[in-house]
């Protein structure tokens, strides 16, 4: 029987069916009716294991509703951290960062990695050749930077992510575009110079956008969080079900 993986992020929900560590059909939902959407995925087929990782703590009624839809329920949120035990990752890591690192260990075994996740925040995490976690940093994501300029000033407009950017801005809009995008590029390139032997992995909503602007070789891996959840779920099955 297939397993169902659900990632409830800050701005959207992503989900996928999986067999072992292989992802099947994926789904994306952006709206307020999160529980209704999850239950719609289990109407025709009940998963053997339902793994739900959430940026918000799930309530007891939500847990009960999810538990009724599967044989085994795994929850990852700030109130449920035991599923991450045994992976030699620090407790302060959010579930999405931890899951992405498990996927990086799996995909690039024996290689040091720098994993950049482009979302509401821009995170970068580092693994050594043994897959050990060496630390990581958090800064505002691309859209967050654009929105904060408007929110915390009296005159700057909200600007969309541009297709092309000039080296220097020649108007308020192009100055914001060039400043934000170039700033992120300089940030990424600084990390790459600091760790020149690392495999560089991009994931998250803006991964392909920034990969297309890099002069260095990078790996763009979609759905790394779901891939990490599939690995965790498969480990759970092998340990507790088989």
C-alpha atoms as a PDB file:
ATOM      1  CA  UNK A   1       0.000   0.000   0.000  1.00  0.00           C
ATOM      2  CA  UNK A   2       1.259   3.493  -0.797  1.00  0.00           C
ATOM      3  CA  UNK A   3       2.191   6.126   1.753  1.00  0.00           C
ATOM      4  CA  UNK A   4       1.077   9.761   1.688  1.00  0.00           C
ATOM      5  CA  UNK A   5       3.470  12.602   2.482  1.00  0.00           C
ATOM      6  CA  UNK A   6       2.223  16.089   3.336  1.00  0.00           C
ATOM      7  CA  UNK A   7       4.276  19.242   3.834  1.00  0.00           C
ATOM      8  CA  UNK A   8       2.336  22.185   5.298  1.00  0.00           C
ATOM      9  CA  UNK A   9       4.580  25.205   4.808  1.00  0.00           C
ATOM     10  CA  UNK A  10       4.248  28.898   5.579  1.00  0.00           C
ATOM     11  CA  UNK A  11       2.508  29.737   2.302  1.00  0.00           C
ATOM     12  CA  UNK A  12       1.452  26.478   0.628  1.00  0.00           C
ATOM     13  CA  UNK A  13       0.841  22.772   1.100  1.00  0.00           C
ATOM     14  CA  UNK A  14       2.650  20.148  -0.935  1.00  0.00           C
ATOM     15  CA  UNK A  15       1.839  16.457  -0.944  1.00  0.00           C
ATOM     16  CA  UNK A  16       2.897  13.287  -2.714  1.00  0.00           C
ATOM     17  CA  UNK A  17       2.185   9.588  -2.715  1.00  0.00           C
ATOM     18  CA  UNK A  18       5.239   7.382  -2.289  1.00  0.00           C
ATOM     19  CA  UNK A  19       6.371   3.782  -2.545  1.00  0.00           C
ATOM     20  CA  UNK A  20       9.490   3.278  -0.473  1.00  0.00           C
ATOM     21  CA  UNK A  21      11.746   6.250  -1.175  1.00  0.00           C
ATOM     22  CA  UNK A  22      10.217   6.910  -4.610  1.00  0.00           C
ATOM     23  CA  UNK A  23       7.815   9.813  -5.012  1.00  0.00           C
ATOM     24  CA  UNK A  24       4.695   9.376  -7.101  1.00  0.00           C
ATOM     25  CA  UNK A  25       2.067  11.927  -8.048  1.00  0.00           C
ATOM     26  CA  UNK A  26       2.539  15.277  -6.335  1.00  0.00           C
ATOM     27  CA  UNK A  27      -0.004  17.951  -5.384  1.00  0.00           C
ATOM     28  CA  UNK A  28       0.114  21.623  -4.404  1.00  0.00           C
ATOM     29  CA  UNK A  29      -2.531  23.596  -2.549  1.00  0.00           C
ATOM     30  CA  UNK A  30      -2.574  27.238  -1.486  1.00  0.00           C
ATOM     31  CA  UNK A  31      -5.610  28.134   0.571  1.00  0.00           C
ATOM     32  CA  UNK A  32      -7.210  28.071   3.999  1.00  0.00           C
ATOM     33  CA  UNK A  33      -8.929  24.652   3.850  1.00  0.00           C
ATOM     34  CA  UNK A  34      -5.804  22.602   4.528  1.00  0.00           C
ATOM     35  CA  UNK A  35      -7.448  19.733   6.380  1.00  0.00           C
ATOM     36  CA  UNK A  36     -10.202  19.438   3.786  1.00  0.00           C
ATOM     37  CA  UNK A  37      -7.585  19.197   1.036  1.00  0.00           C
ATOM     38  CA  UNK A  38      -5.642  16.473   2.855  1.00  0.00           C
ATOM     39  CA  UNK A  39      -8.823  14.481   3.451  1.00  0.00           C
ATOM     40  CA  UNK A  40      -9.707  14.816  -0.233  1.00  0.00           C
ATOM     41  CA  UNK A  41      -6.479  12.972  -1.071  1.00  0.00           C
ATOM     42  CA  UNK A  42      -7.445  10.012   1.118  1.00  0.00           C
ATOM     43  CA  UNK A  43     -11.057   9.669  -0.061  1.00  0.00           C
ATOM     44  CA  UNK A  44     -10.304   6.965  -2.653  1.00  0.00           C
ATOM     45  CA  UNK A  45      -7.261   5.358  -1.095  1.00  0.00           C
ATOM     46  CA  UNK A  46      -6.200   5.167   2.533  1.00  0.00           C
ATOM     47  CA  UNK A  47      -2.422   5.370   2.959  1.00  0.00           C
ATOM     48  CA  UNK A  48      -0.571   2.810   4.984  1.00  0.00           C
ATOM     49  CA  UNK A  49       1.505   5.585   6.550  1.00  0.00           C
ATOM     50  CA  UNK A  50       0.476   9.234   6.539  1.00  0.00           C
ATOM     51  CA  UNK A  51       3.430  11.530   7.250  1.00  0.00           C
ATOM     52  CA  UNK A  52       2.457  15.147   7.929  1.00  0.00           C
ATOM     53  CA  UNK A  53       5.091  17.815   8.507  1.00  0.00           C
ATOM     54  CA  UNK A  54       3.667  21.196   9.462  1.00  0.00           C
ATOM     55  CA  UNK A  55       5.063  24.662  10.106  1.00  0.00           C
ATOM     56  CA  UNK A  56       2.086  25.129  12.452  1.00  0.00           C
ATOM     57  CA  UNK A  57       1.348  22.877  15.415  1.00  0.00           C
ATOM     58  CA  UNK A  58      -1.542  20.533  14.651  1.00  0.00           C
ATOM     59  CA  UNK A  59      -4.454  20.508  17.078  1.00  0.00           C
ATOM     60  CA  UNK A  60      -5.746  17.363  18.794  1.00  0.00           C
ATOM     61  CA  UNK A  61      -8.911  17.278  16.617  1.00  0.00           C
ATOM     62  CA  UNK A  62      -6.740  17.572  13.502  1.00  0.00           C
ATOM     63  CA  UNK A  63      -4.528  14.717  14.716  1.00  0.00           C
ATOM     64  CA  UNK A  64      -7.592  12.574  15.378  1.00  0.00           C
ATOM     65  CA  UNK A  65      -8.993  13.280  11.903  1.00  0.00           C
ATOM     66  CA  UNK A  66      -5.691  12.393  10.242  1.00  0.00           C
ATOM     67  CA  UNK A  67      -5.235   9.269  12.348  1.00  0.00           C
ATOM     68  CA  UNK A  68      -8.606   7.972  11.148  1.00  0.00           C
ATOM     69  CA  UNK A  69      -7.395   8.130   7.531  1.00  0.00           C
ATOM     70  CA  UNK A  70      -4.418   5.746   7.819  1.00  0.00           C
ATOM     71  CA  UNK A  71      -2.937   2.759   9.596  1.00  0.00           C
ATOM     72  CA  UNK A  72       0.035   4.727  10.912  1.00  0.00           C
ATOM     73  CA  UNK A  73       0.400   8.479  11.449  1.00  0.00           C
ATOM     74  CA  UNK A  74       3.694  10.366  11.655  1.00  0.00           C
ATOM     75  CA  UNK A  75       3.552  14.019  12.662  1.00  0.00           C
ATOM     76  CA  UNK A  76       6.409  16.471  12.448  1.00  0.00           C
ATOM     77  CA  UNK A  77       5.843  19.870  14.021  1.00  0.00           C
ATOM     78  CA  UNK A  78       7.273  21.786  16.952  1.00  0.00           C
ATOM     79  CA  UNK A  79       5.249  19.593  19.300  1.00  0.00           C
ATOM     80  CA  UNK A  80       6.307  16.311  17.681  1.00  0.00           C
ATOM     81  CA  UNK A  81      10.055  15.988  17.182  1.00  0.00           C
ATOM     82  CA  UNK A  82      10.714  12.340  18.031  1.00  0.00           C
ATOM     83  CA  UNK A  83      10.584  11.269  14.374  1.00  0.00           C
ATOM     84  CA  UNK A  84      13.824  13.177  13.775  1.00  0.00           C
ATOM     85  CA  UNK A  85      15.679  11.358  16.533  1.00  0.00           C
ATOM     86  CA  UNK A  86      18.354   9.016  15.251  1.00  0.00           C
ATOM     87  CA  UNK A  87      19.308  11.122  12.222  1.00  0.00           C
ATOM     88  CA  UNK A  88      22.103  13.043  13.987  1.00  0.00           C
ATOM     89  CA  UNK A  89      20.538  16.401  13.250  1.00  0.00           C
ATOM     90  CA  UNK A  90      20.201  19.211  15.817  1.00  0.00           C
ATOM     91  CA  UNK A  91      16.821  19.804  17.415  1.00  0.00           C
ATOM     92  CA  UNK A  92      16.672  23.470  16.370  1.00  0.00           C
ATOM     93  CA  UNK A  93      16.303  22.568  12.676  1.00  0.00           C
ATOM     94  CA  UNK A  94      12.812  23.004  11.274  1.00  0.00           C
ATOM     95  CA  UNK A  95      11.248  19.908   9.733  1.00  0.00           C
ATOM     96  CA  UNK A  96      11.691  21.178   6.170  1.00  0.00           C
ATOM     97  CA  UNK A  97      15.415  21.858   6.595  1.00  0.00           C
ATOM     98  CA  UNK A  98      15.911  18.479   8.287  1.00  0.00           C
ATOM     99  CA  UNK A  99      14.015  16.633   5.554  1.00  0.00           C
ATOM    100  CA  UNK A 100      15.994  18.373   2.798  1.00  0.00           C
ATOM    101  CA  UNK A 101      19.242  17.357   4.476  1.00  0.00           C
ATOM    102  CA  UNK A 102      18.109  13.717   4.640  1.00  0.00           C
ATOM    103  CA  UNK A 103      17.408  13.897   0.910  1.00  0.00           C
ATOM    104  CA  UNK A 104      20.833  15.444   0.252  1.00  0.00           C
ATOM    105  CA  UNK A 105      22.518  12.664   2.237  1.00  0.00           C
ATOM    106  CA  UNK A 106      20.636  10.125   0.147  1.00  0.00           C
ATOM    107  CA  UNK A 107      21.268  11.730  -3.253  1.00  0.00           C
ATOM    108  CA  UNK A 108      24.881  12.825  -2.752  1.00  0.00           C
ATOM    109  CA  UNK A 109      26.237  10.184  -0.407  1.00  0.00           C
ATOM    110  CA  UNK A 110      29.945  10.667   0.313  1.00  0.00           C
ATOM    111  CA  UNK A 111      29.986  14.250  -1.025  1.00  0.00           C
ATOM    112  CA  UNK A 112      30.072  17.486   0.975  1.00  0.00           C
ATOM    113  CA  UNK A 113      26.981  19.562   0.216  1.00  0.00           C
ATOM    114  CA  UNK A 114      25.682  23.102   0.502  1.00  0.00           C
ATOM    115  CA  UNK A 115      21.863  23.003   0.358  1.00  0.00           C
ATOM    116  CA  UNK A 116      20.075  26.269  -0.504  1.00  0.00           C
ATOM    117  CA  UNK A 117      16.307  26.407  -0.013  1.00  0.00           C
ATOM    118  CA  UNK A 118      14.605  29.374  -1.703  1.00  0.00           C
ATOM    119  CA  UNK A 119      11.286  30.044  -0.034  1.00  0.00           C
ATOM    120  CA  UNK A 120       9.799  32.531   2.427  1.00  0.00           C
ATOM    121  CA  UNK A 121      13.277  32.403   3.906  1.00  0.00           C
ATOM    122  CA  UNK A 122      16.566  31.623   2.200  1.00  0.00           C
ATOM    123  CA  UNK A 123      18.306  28.884   4.158  1.00  0.00           C
ATOM    124  CA  UNK A 124      21.693  27.348   3.511  1.00  0.00           C
ATOM    125  CA  UNK A 125      22.852  24.212   5.323  1.00  0.00           C
ATOM    126  CA  UNK A 126      26.146  22.350   5.115  1.00  0.00           C
ATOM    127  CA  UNK A 127      26.952  18.634   5.198  1.00  0.00           C
ATOM    128  CA  UNK A 128      30.455  17.145   5.230  1.00  0.00           C
ATOM    129  CA  UNK A 129      31.589  14.057   3.315  1.00  0.00           C
ATOM    130  CA  UNK A 130      30.242  11.814   6.082  1.00  0.00           C
ATOM    131  CA  UNK A 131      26.822  13.440   5.939  1.00  0.00           C
ATOM    132  CA  UNK A 132      27.392  15.189   9.275  1.00  0.00           C
ATOM    133  CA  UNK A 133      25.604  18.489   9.782  1.00  0.00           C
ATOM    134  CA  UNK A 134      28.047  21.397  10.070  1.00  0.00           C
ATOM    135  CA  UNK A 135      25.601  24.253  10.543  1.00  0.00           C
ATOM    136  CA  UNK A 136      23.547  26.616   8.465  1.00  0.00           C
ATOM    137  CA  UNK A 137      22.159  30.124   8.135  1.00  0.00           C
ATOM    138  CA  UNK A 138      18.808  31.832   7.588  1.00  0.00           C
ATOM    139  CA  UNK A 139      18.077  35.098   5.793  1.00  0.00           C
ATOM    140  CA  UNK A 140      14.936  36.605   4.197  1.00  0.00           C
ATOM    141  CA  UNK A 141      13.759  34.970   0.992  1.00  0.00           C
ATOM    142  CA  UNK A 142      13.387  36.761  -2.329  1.00  0.00           C
ATOM    143  CA  UNK A 143       9.710  37.754  -2.052  1.00  0.00           C
ATOM    144  CA  UNK A 144      10.186  38.573   1.637  1.00  0.00           C
ATOM    145  CA  UNK A 145      12.914  41.061   0.715  1.00  0.00           C
ATOM    146  CA  UNK A 146      10.752  42.739  -1.917  1.00  0.00           C
ATOM    147  CA  UNK A 147       7.780  42.998   0.457  1.00  0.00           C
ATOM    148  CA  UNK A 148       9.820  44.266   3.409  1.00  0.00           C
ATOM    149  CA  UNK A 149      11.139  47.209   1.387  1.00  0.00           C
ATOM    150  CA  UNK A 150       7.561  48.332   0.824  1.00  0.00           C
ATOM    151  CA  UNK A 151       6.417  47.580   4.363  1.00  0.00           C
ATOM    152  CA  UNK A 152       9.217  49.316   6.223  1.00  0.00           C
ATOM    153  CA  UNK A 153       9.559  52.427   4.036  1.00  0.00           C
ATOM    154  CA  UNK A 154       7.106  55.175   3.163  1.00  0.00           C
ATOM    155  CA  UNK A 155       7.719  55.437  -0.561  1.00  0.00           C
ATOM    156  CA  UNK A 156       9.111  52.229  -2.064  1.00  0.00           C
ATOM    157  CA  UNK A 157       6.686  50.105  -4.121  1.00  0.00           C
ATOM    158  CA  UNK A 158       6.154  46.349  -4.034  1.00  0.00           C
ATOM    159  CA  UNK A 159       8.139  44.894  -6.942  1.00  0.00           C
ATOM    160  CA  UNK A 160       7.702  41.489  -8.583  1.00  0.00           C
ATOM    161  CA  UNK A 161      10.628  39.187  -9.281  1.00  0.00           C
ATOM    162  CA  UNK A 162      12.052  40.376 -12.629  1.00  0.00           C
ATOM    163  CA  UNK A 163      12.893  38.158 -15.578  1.00  0.00           C
ATOM    164  CA  UNK A 164      16.060  40.113 -16.330  1.00  0.00           C
ATOM    165  CA  UNK A 165      17.936  42.510 -14.092  1.00  0.00           C
ATOM    166  CA  UNK A 166      20.296  45.337 -14.948  1.00  0.00           C
ATOM    167  CA  UNK A 167      23.718  45.595 -13.334  1.00  0.00           C
ATOM    168  CA  UNK A 168      22.650  48.928 -11.858  1.00  0.00           C
ATOM    169  CA  UNK A 169      19.134  50.290 -11.513  1.00  0.00           C
ATOM    170  CA  UNK A 170      18.102  53.342 -13.501  1.00  0.00           C
ATOM    171  CA  UNK A 171      14.747  53.849 -11.747  1.00  0.00           C
ATOM    172  CA  UNK A 172      13.279  53.094  -8.339  1.00  0.00           C
ATOM    173  CA  UNK A 173      11.797  49.829  -9.620  1.00  0.00           C
ATOM    174  CA  UNK A 174      14.933  48.586 -11.388  1.00  0.00           C
ATOM    175  CA  UNK A 175      17.065  49.680  -8.423  1.00  0.00           C
ATOM    176  CA  UNK A 176      14.962  47.462  -6.142  1.00  0.00           C
ATOM    177  CA  UNK A 177      15.033  44.599  -8.653  1.00  0.00           C
ATOM    178  CA  UNK A 178      18.791  44.785  -9.106  1.00  0.00           C
ATOM    179  CA  UNK A 179      19.449  45.342  -5.414  1.00  0.00           C
ATOM    180  CA  UNK A 180      17.433  42.391  -4.152  1.00  0.00           C
ATOM    181  CA  UNK A 181      18.377  39.860  -6.827  1.00  0.00           C
ATOM    182  CA  UNK A 182      22.040  40.876  -6.974  1.00  0.00           C
ATOM    183  CA  UNK A 183      22.200  40.818  -3.187  1.00  0.00           C
ATOM    184  CA  UNK A 184      20.958  37.234  -3.108  1.00  0.00           C
ATOM    185  CA  UNK A 185      23.365  36.282  -5.889  1.00  0.00           C
ATOM    186  CA  UNK A 186      26.319  37.795  -4.014  1.00  0.00           C
ATOM    187  CA  UNK A 187      25.178  35.939  -0.897  1.00  0.00           C
ATOM    188  CA  UNK A 188      25.072  32.595  -2.706  1.00  0.00           C
ATOM    189  CA  UNK A 189      28.383  33.143  -4.469  1.00  0.00           C
ATOM    190  CA  UNK A 190      30.016  34.079  -1.162  1.00  0.00           C
ATOM    191  CA  UNK A 191      29.032  30.729   0.335  1.00  0.00           C
ATOM    192  CA  UNK A 192      30.231  28.936  -2.778  1.00  0.00           C
ATOM    193  CA  UNK A 193      33.642  30.610  -2.495  1.00  0.00           C
ATOM    194  CA  UNK A 194      33.770  29.654   1.160  1.00  0.00           C
ATOM    195  CA  UNK A 195      33.115  25.983   0.356  1.00  0.00           C
ATOM    196  CA  UNK A 196      34.529  25.457  -3.159  1.00  0.00           C
ATOM    197  CA  UNK A 197      34.602  21.652  -2.848  1.00  0.00           C
ATOM    198  CA  UNK A 198      30.885  21.337  -2.001  1.00  0.00           C
ATOM    199  CA  UNK A 199      28.136  20.005  -4.208  1.00  0.00           C
ATOM    200  CA  UNK A 200      25.702  22.933  -4.483  1.00  0.00           C
ATOM    201  CA  UNK A 201      22.021  22.005  -4.317  1.00  0.00           C
ATOM    202  CA  UNK A 202      19.127  24.412  -4.943  1.00  0.00           C
ATOM    203  CA  UNK A 203      15.565  23.628  -3.914  1.00  0.00           C
ATOM    204  CA  UNK A 204      12.396  25.573  -3.148  1.00  0.00           C
ATOM    205  CA  UNK A 205      10.140  27.825  -5.170  1.00  0.00           C
ATOM    206  CA  UNK A 206      12.799  30.159  -6.563  1.00  0.00           C
ATOM    207  CA  UNK A 207      15.493  27.502  -7.088  1.00  0.00           C
ATOM    208  CA  UNK A 208      15.216  27.306 -10.879  1.00  0.00           C
ATOM    209  CA  UNK A 209      15.116  31.111 -11.193  1.00  0.00           C
ATOM    210  CA  UNK A 210      18.431  31.592  -9.376  1.00  0.00           C
ATOM    211  CA  UNK A 211      20.033  28.495 -10.897  1.00  0.00           C
ATOM    212  CA  UNK A 212      19.483  30.064 -14.314  1.00  0.00           C
ATOM    213  CA  UNK A 213      21.491  33.102 -13.257  1.00  0.00           C
ATOM    214  CA  UNK A 214      24.475  31.203 -11.815  1.00  0.00           C
ATOM    215  CA  UNK A 215      27.792  30.967 -13.641  1.00  0.00           C
ATOM    216  CA  UNK A 216      28.702  27.887 -11.561  1.00  0.00           C
ATOM    217  CA  UNK A 217      27.247  24.391 -11.854  1.00  0.00           C
ATOM    218  CA  UNK A 218      24.452  23.627  -9.392  1.00  0.00           C
ATOM    219  CA  UNK A 219      21.938  20.817  -8.908  1.00  0.00           C
ATOM    220  CA  UNK A 220      18.278  21.844  -8.852  1.00  0.00           C
ATOM    221  CA  UNK A 221      16.245  19.241  -6.974  1.00  0.00           C
ATOM    222  CA  UNK A 222      12.498  19.680  -6.777  1.00  0.00           C
ATOM    223  CA  UNK A 223      10.510  18.429  -3.794  1.00  0.00           C
ATOM    224  CA  UNK A 224      13.513  17.775  -1.548  1.00  0.00           C
ATOM    225  CA  UNK A 225      11.373  18.082   1.566  1.00  0.00           C
ATOM    226  CA  UNK A 226       8.910  15.472   0.293  1.00  0.00           C
ATOM    227  CA  UNK A 227      11.855  13.273  -0.689  1.00  0.00           C
ATOM    228  CA  UNK A 228      13.215  13.532   2.850  1.00  0.00           C
ATOM    229  CA  UNK A 229       9.789  12.687   4.276  1.00  0.00           C
ATOM    230  CA  UNK A 230       9.689   9.629   1.999  1.00  0.00           C
ATOM    231  CA  UNK A 231      13.044   8.499   3.401  1.00  0.00           C
ATOM    232  CA  UNK A 232      11.828   8.966   6.976  1.00  0.00           C
ATOM    233  CA  UNK A 233       8.576   7.140   6.243  1.00  0.00           C
ATOM    234  CA  UNK A 234      10.407   4.251   4.585  1.00  0.00           C
ATOM    235  CA  UNK A 235      12.709   3.992   7.624  1.00  0.00           C
ATOM    236  CA  UNK A 236       9.624   3.931   9.868  1.00  0.00           C
ATOM    237  CA  UNK A 237       8.059   1.146   7.811  1.00  0.00           C
ATOM    238  CA  UNK A 238      11.230  -0.947   7.945  1.00  0.00           C
ATOM    239  CA  UNK A 239      11.617  -0.424  11.691  1.00  0.00           C
ATOM    240  CA  UNK A 240       8.059  -0.737  12.972  1.00  0.00           C
ATOM    241  CA  UNK A 241       5.884  -2.410  10.321  1.00  0.00           C
ATOM    242  CA  UNK A 242       7.918  -4.968   8.354  1.00  0.00           C
END
